[in-house]
Protein backbone atom coordinates (compact mmCIF):
# COMPACT_ATOMS: atom_id res chain seq x y z
CA VAL A 1 46.16 -32.19 1.06
CA GLN A 2 46.31 -28.56 0.03
CA THR A 3 45.56 -25.39 1.91
CA CYS A 4 42.28 -23.98 0.61
CA ALA A 5 39.62 -21.35 1.20
CA LEU A 6 36.03 -22.53 1.51
CA PRO A 7 33.32 -20.51 -0.29
CA ILE A 8 30.37 -19.43 1.90
CA SER A 9 26.87 -19.52 0.44
CA THR A 10 23.19 -19.36 1.39
CA ASN A 11 19.90 -20.60 -0.01
CA LEU A 12 18.27 -17.14 0.03
CA PRO A 13 16.66 -15.73 -3.14
CA SER A 14 18.68 -13.24 -5.18
CA ASP A 15 16.59 -10.27 -4.01
CA TRP A 16 17.75 -10.85 -0.41
CA LYS A 17 21.06 -9.17 0.39
CA VAL A 18 23.57 -11.27 2.36
CA GLU A 19 27.04 -10.12 3.41
CA PHE A 20 29.60 -12.16 5.37
CA PHE A 21 32.21 -10.71 7.72
CA THR A 22 34.79 -11.99 10.16
CA ALA A 23 33.57 -11.99 13.77
CA ASP A 24 34.73 -12.50 17.33
CA SER A 25 33.80 -15.47 19.53
CA SER A 26 30.55 -13.76 20.62
CA GLY A 27 29.36 -13.50 17.03
CA THR A 28 29.86 -9.76 16.79
CA CYS A 29 31.04 -8.66 13.36
CA THR A 30 34.58 -7.33 13.47
CA GLY A 31 35.47 -7.14 9.79
CA THR A 32 34.84 -3.98 7.78
CA ALA A 33 34.96 -5.50 4.31
CA PRO A 34 32.59 -8.30 3.19
CA ILE A 35 34.15 -11.70 2.49
CA THR A 36 33.08 -14.54 0.19
CA ASN A 37 35.07 -17.41 1.71
CA THR A 38 36.61 -18.62 4.94
CA GLY A 39 40.15 -17.73 4.02
CA ASP A 40 42.90 -20.35 3.97
CA VAL A 41 42.23 -23.44 6.07
CA GLU A 42 45.40 -25.43 6.85
CA PRO A 43 45.08 -29.23 6.53
CA GLY A 44 44.89 -30.94 9.90
CA ALA A 45 45.04 -27.66 11.78
CA ALA A 46 42.93 -27.24 14.92
CA LYS A 47 41.78 -23.71 14.33
CA THR A 48 38.50 -21.99 15.13
CA GLN A 49 37.30 -19.17 12.90
CA TYR A 50 34.24 -16.99 13.49
CA PHE A 51 32.02 -15.35 10.90
CA CYS A 52 28.84 -13.33 10.89
CA ALA A 53 26.20 -12.79 8.25
CA LYS A 54 24.22 -9.60 7.73
CA VAL A 55 20.92 -10.41 6.06
CA THR A 56 18.71 -7.69 4.55
CA PRO A 57 15.29 -8.67 3.19
CA PRO A 58 13.90 -6.83 0.14
CA THR A 59 11.59 -3.89 0.76
CA ASN A 60 8.58 -5.92 -0.38
CA ALA A 61 9.32 -8.98 1.78
CA PRO A 62 6.12 -10.31 3.38
CA ALA A 63 5.92 -10.60 7.15
CA GLY A 64 6.82 -13.99 8.60
CA ASN A 65 9.69 -16.41 9.12
CA LYS A 66 12.34 -17.22 6.53
CA ASP A 67 14.64 -20.20 7.14
CA VAL A 68 18.21 -19.55 5.99
CA THR A 69 20.81 -22.22 5.33
CA PHE A 70 24.48 -21.18 5.43
CA SER A 71 26.95 -23.57 3.79
CA VAL A 72 30.70 -23.96 3.29
CA THR A 73 31.92 -26.27 0.55
CA SER A 74 35.36 -27.58 -0.30
CA VAL A 75 36.18 -27.08 -3.95
CA ALA A 76 38.77 -29.84 -3.82
CA THR A 77 36.85 -32.58 -1.99
CA LYS A 78 33.27 -31.40 -2.56
CA LEU A 79 32.61 -31.92 1.16
CA THR A 80 30.13 -29.47 2.60
CA ASP A 81 28.75 -28.48 5.97
CA SER A 82 25.69 -26.38 6.72
CA MET A 83 23.83 -24.69 9.53
CA LYS A 84 20.33 -23.26 9.59
CA ASP A 85 19.11 -19.97 11.03
CA ARG A 86 15.80 -18.15 10.86
CA VAL A 87 15.07 -14.57 9.91
CA THR A 88 11.79 -13.04 11.07
CA VAL A 89 10.44 -10.19 8.96
CA ASN A 90 8.35 -7.94 11.17
CA ALA A 91 4.83 -6.95 10.22
CA VAL A 92 4.49 -3.51 8.67
CA ARG A 93 0.97 -2.11 8.46
CA ASN A 94 0.08 0.78 6.20
CA LEU A 95 -2.81 1.89 4.02
CA THR A 96 -3.07 4.71 1.49
CA LEU A 97 -6.23 6.32 0.15
CA VAL A 98 -6.05 8.71 -2.81
CA THR A 99 -7.33 11.22 -3.50
CA GLY A 100 -9.76 13.92 -2.29
CA GLN A 101 -11.39 15.98 -5.04
CA GLU A 102 -13.58 18.99 -5.80
CA SER A 103 -16.50 19.29 -8.18
CA SER A 104 -19.73 21.18 -8.80
CA VAL A 105 -23.29 19.93 -9.04
CA ALA A 106 -26.71 21.36 -9.88
CA PRO A 107 -29.52 21.28 -7.29
CA GLY A 108 -30.85 17.73 -7.15
CA GLY A 109 -27.91 16.43 -9.17
CA THR A 110 -25.17 13.93 -8.34
CA VAL A 111 -21.40 13.81 -8.66
CA THR A 112 -19.13 10.78 -8.24
CA TYR A 113 -15.58 10.82 -6.86
CA GLU A 114 -13.10 8.00 -7.41
CA HIS A 115 -10.67 6.91 -4.67
CA THR A 116 -8.05 4.15 -4.60
CA LEU A 117 -7.34 2.24 -1.40
CA THR A 118 -3.99 0.39 -1.37
CA ASN A 119 -2.38 -1.91 1.17
CA THR A 120 1.25 -0.75 1.18
CA GLY A 121 2.17 -2.88 4.21
CA ASN A 122 3.46 -6.46 4.17
CA VAL A 123 0.50 -8.27 5.77
CA THR A 124 -3.06 -8.87 4.60
CA GLU A 125 -5.43 -6.28 6.00
CA GLY A 126 -8.97 -7.46 6.61
CA GLY A 127 -10.33 -10.94 6.13
CA ALA A 128 -10.26 -13.52 8.94
CA VAL A 129 -7.59 -11.92 11.13
CA ASN A 130 -9.08 -8.45 11.34
CA THR A 131 -11.40 -6.22 9.40
CA LEU A 132 -11.19 -3.07 7.32
CA TYR A 133 -13.88 -0.63 8.30
CA LEU A 134 -15.43 2.27 6.46
CA ASP A 135 -16.64 5.46 8.10
CA ILE A 136 -18.56 8.18 6.25
CA ALA A 137 -18.88 11.67 7.69
CA GLN A 138 -21.09 14.43 6.27
CA ASP A 139 -20.46 18.15 6.77
CA ASP A 140 -22.57 19.32 9.72
CA THR A 141 -23.13 22.74 8.15
CA THR A 142 -25.08 21.39 5.18
CA THR A 143 -28.31 19.37 5.22
CA GLY A 144 -30.05 17.20 2.68
CA PHE A 145 -26.91 15.93 0.95
CA THR A 146 -26.64 12.14 0.58
CA THR A 147 -23.34 10.27 0.31
CA THR A 148 -23.14 6.68 -0.93
CA VAL A 149 -19.92 4.66 -1.19
CA TYR A 150 -19.41 1.80 -3.63
CA VAL A 151 -16.57 -0.73 -3.77
CA ASP A 152 -15.32 -2.15 -7.07
CA SER A 153 -16.51 -5.68 -6.26
CA ASN A 154 -15.92 -7.11 -9.73
CA GLY A 155 -12.54 -5.40 -10.14
CA ASN A 156 -13.25 -3.94 -13.57
CA GLY A 157 -12.35 -0.38 -12.57
CA VAL A 158 -15.75 0.98 -13.56
CA LEU A 159 -18.71 1.88 -11.35
CA ASP A 160 -21.54 -0.40 -12.43
CA SER A 161 -24.45 -2.47 -11.13
CA GLY A 162 -22.12 -5.26 -10.02
CA ASP A 163 -20.45 -3.09 -7.38
CA THR A 164 -21.35 -3.29 -3.69
CA VAL A 165 -22.85 -0.42 -1.75
CA LEU A 166 -20.95 0.07 1.51
CA THR A 167 -22.92 1.10 4.55
CA LEU A 168 -21.54 2.63 7.72
CA ALA A 169 -19.17 -0.04 8.95
CA LYS A 170 -17.30 0.46 12.17
CA LYS A 171 -16.81 -1.21 15.52
CA ASN A 172 -20.03 -1.62 17.54
CA ASP A 173 -22.11 -0.66 14.49
CA LEU A 174 -21.13 -3.11 11.79
CA GLY A 175 -22.37 -2.71 8.25
CA THR A 176 -20.76 -3.91 5.04
CA ALA A 177 -17.06 -4.05 5.87
CA LEU A 178 -14.40 -4.05 3.19
CA ALA A 179 -12.96 -7.38 2.08
CA GLY A 180 -9.35 -8.19 2.90
CA LEU A 181 -6.53 -6.61 0.91
CA ALA A 182 -3.34 -8.60 0.37
CA GLN A 183 0.09 -6.97 0.36
CA GLY A 184 0.28 -4.49 -2.53
CA GLU A 185 -3.37 -4.99 -3.49
CA SER A 186 -5.63 -2.03 -4.37
CA VAL A 187 -9.36 -1.51 -4.67
CA LYS A 188 -11.34 1.40 -6.07
CA LEU A 189 -13.98 3.15 -4.01
CA TRP A 190 -16.54 5.55 -5.45
CA VAL A 191 -18.16 8.27 -3.37
CA LYS A 192 -21.44 9.41 -4.90
CA VAL A 193 -22.81 12.69 -3.54
CA GLN A 194 -26.35 13.88 -4.27
CA ALA A 195 -27.39 17.46 -3.58
CA PRO A 196 -30.94 18.22 -2.43
CA SER A 197 -33.26 19.84 -4.97
CA THR A 198 -33.57 22.81 -2.61
CA ALA A 199 -29.82 23.49 -2.54
CA THR A 200 -28.92 27.10 -3.25
CA ASN A 201 -26.21 28.44 -5.51
CA GLY A 202 -22.75 28.46 -3.87
CA LEU A 203 -23.65 25.99 -1.13
CA VAL A 204 -20.62 23.80 -0.30
CA ASP A 205 -20.76 20.28 1.11
CA VAL A 206 -17.75 18.33 2.37
CA SER A 207 -18.02 14.56 2.69
CA THR A 208 -15.26 12.58 4.40
CA ILE A 209 -14.52 8.92 3.75
CA LYS A 210 -12.29 7.16 6.26
CA VAL A 211 -10.89 3.64 6.20
CA TYR A 212 -9.24 1.95 9.15
CA ALA A 213 -8.31 -1.52 10.36
CA GLU A 214 -9.04 -3.25 13.64
CA GLY A 215 -7.09 -5.95 15.47
CA ALA A 216 -3.40 -6.65 15.99
CA ILE A 217 -1.39 -8.80 13.58
CA SER A 218 1.74 -10.45 15.00
CA SER A 219 1.36 -8.09 17.96
CA ILE A 220 1.54 -5.08 15.61
CA ASN A 221 -1.35 -2.65 15.97
CA PRO A 222 -3.06 -1.16 12.90
CA ALA A 223 -1.67 1.90 11.22
CA ALA A 224 -3.49 5.20 11.54
CA ALA A 225 -6.75 5.60 9.64
CA VAL A 226 -6.60 7.08 6.15
CA SER A 227 -9.17 9.55 4.88
CA ASN A 228 -10.11 11.79 1.96
CA LYS A 229 -12.38 14.82 1.77
CA ASP A 230 -14.57 15.50 -1.26
CA ARG A 231 -15.79 19.07 -1.70
CA THR A 232 -18.99 19.65 -3.68
CA THR A 233 -20.22 23.12 -4.65
CA VAL A 234 -23.79 23.75 -5.82
CA THR A 235 -24.09 25.81 -9.02
CA SER A 236 -27.52 26.94 -10.19
CA GLY A 237 -28.52 28.81 -13.32
CA GLN A 238 -27.23 28.36 -16.84
CA VAL A 239 -24.16 29.49 -18.70
CA ARG A 240 -24.95 30.79 -22.22
CA LEU A 241 -22.49 31.45 -25.02
CA GLU A 242 -23.66 33.80 -27.77
CA LYS A 243 -22.02 33.93 -31.20
CA THR A 244 -22.41 36.46 -34.02
CA GLN A 245 -21.04 36.40 -37.55
CA ALA A 246 -20.77 38.76 -40.51
CA LEU A 247 -19.26 38.78 -43.94
CA GLN A 248 -15.90 40.55 -44.19
CA ALA A 249 -14.90 40.52 -47.83
CA GLN A 250 -11.81 42.78 -47.43
CA CYS A 251 -10.32 40.87 -44.42
CA THR A 252 -9.57 44.18 -42.67
CA GLY A 253 -10.63 43.01 -39.25
CA THR A 254 -13.55 45.43 -39.17
CA ILE A 255 -17.09 44.29 -39.63
CA GLY A 256 -19.12 46.50 -41.88
C-alpha cells in the first residue's frame, strides 16, 4: 500500500466557485492557499485531517437551496467517500425602470413614452406569491391631461391593440396589476399622454409612473419602488420654412 493524496471534488456546476483549505478542528479555515487534495495519507495511520470549503455562487444564482456533495477518491483503489452539505442563496429583490423622457405635443394631441421594467433580483416578482403594482401620478399644477399606461401583453415590443391597458393598481384599490416577472425578465410599458384641446403654448405636464411590489419572499421585504417622470410641453402654432432660388450663371456667390 502506497502513501497517496486524495483529490477533493464537488458536484457543483462550473459557474460556482469552490475553494478548499486546511482547517482546525472547529472547521475554521486556517490555510491561506487553496488546495486540491488531502495531502499524503499514510497507509494504516490513525490521523485526523480537517478541511474547509469556501463556496461562492454565481452572481445570477436564483434564490433557494443548493445541495452540495463533497467527495474524496483514491486514485489507486478507486474507493471514494462523500458528505453532503447545503448552500442557501438568499433572496435579492430589485427592479429597474428606464427611462423618463421629454417631448412636445400640440393642444389636443398625444405623445407616447416607452419604459422598460426589469426584474434584476433573483426571485420572481409578482404572480402567486406577491403582486407588482402600478401607480400613476399626474402633475397637480396642470389640468385636463390624461395619462394611460399599456403593458406589452403579447411581448412583440410594439404598442398595438393586443396590449393591456393598466388601471390604477395599488393596495386597497386594486386595478389591473402587472403579471409576475421571473429573474432577469423584462416587460415594456407605454405611457400615453393626451393634452387637452384648450392647452396653451408652453404649458408643461409631468406624469409619474411608479412600480412597486408587495409581500415578503423568504422573509425578504420588497425593494424600494421604482419610478420615471415623463415631461410633456405643449407647443401651439406652426413652424414655416421659406425657400427662395435664383439663377447664378457666374457662380460668384451673389444673386443678381
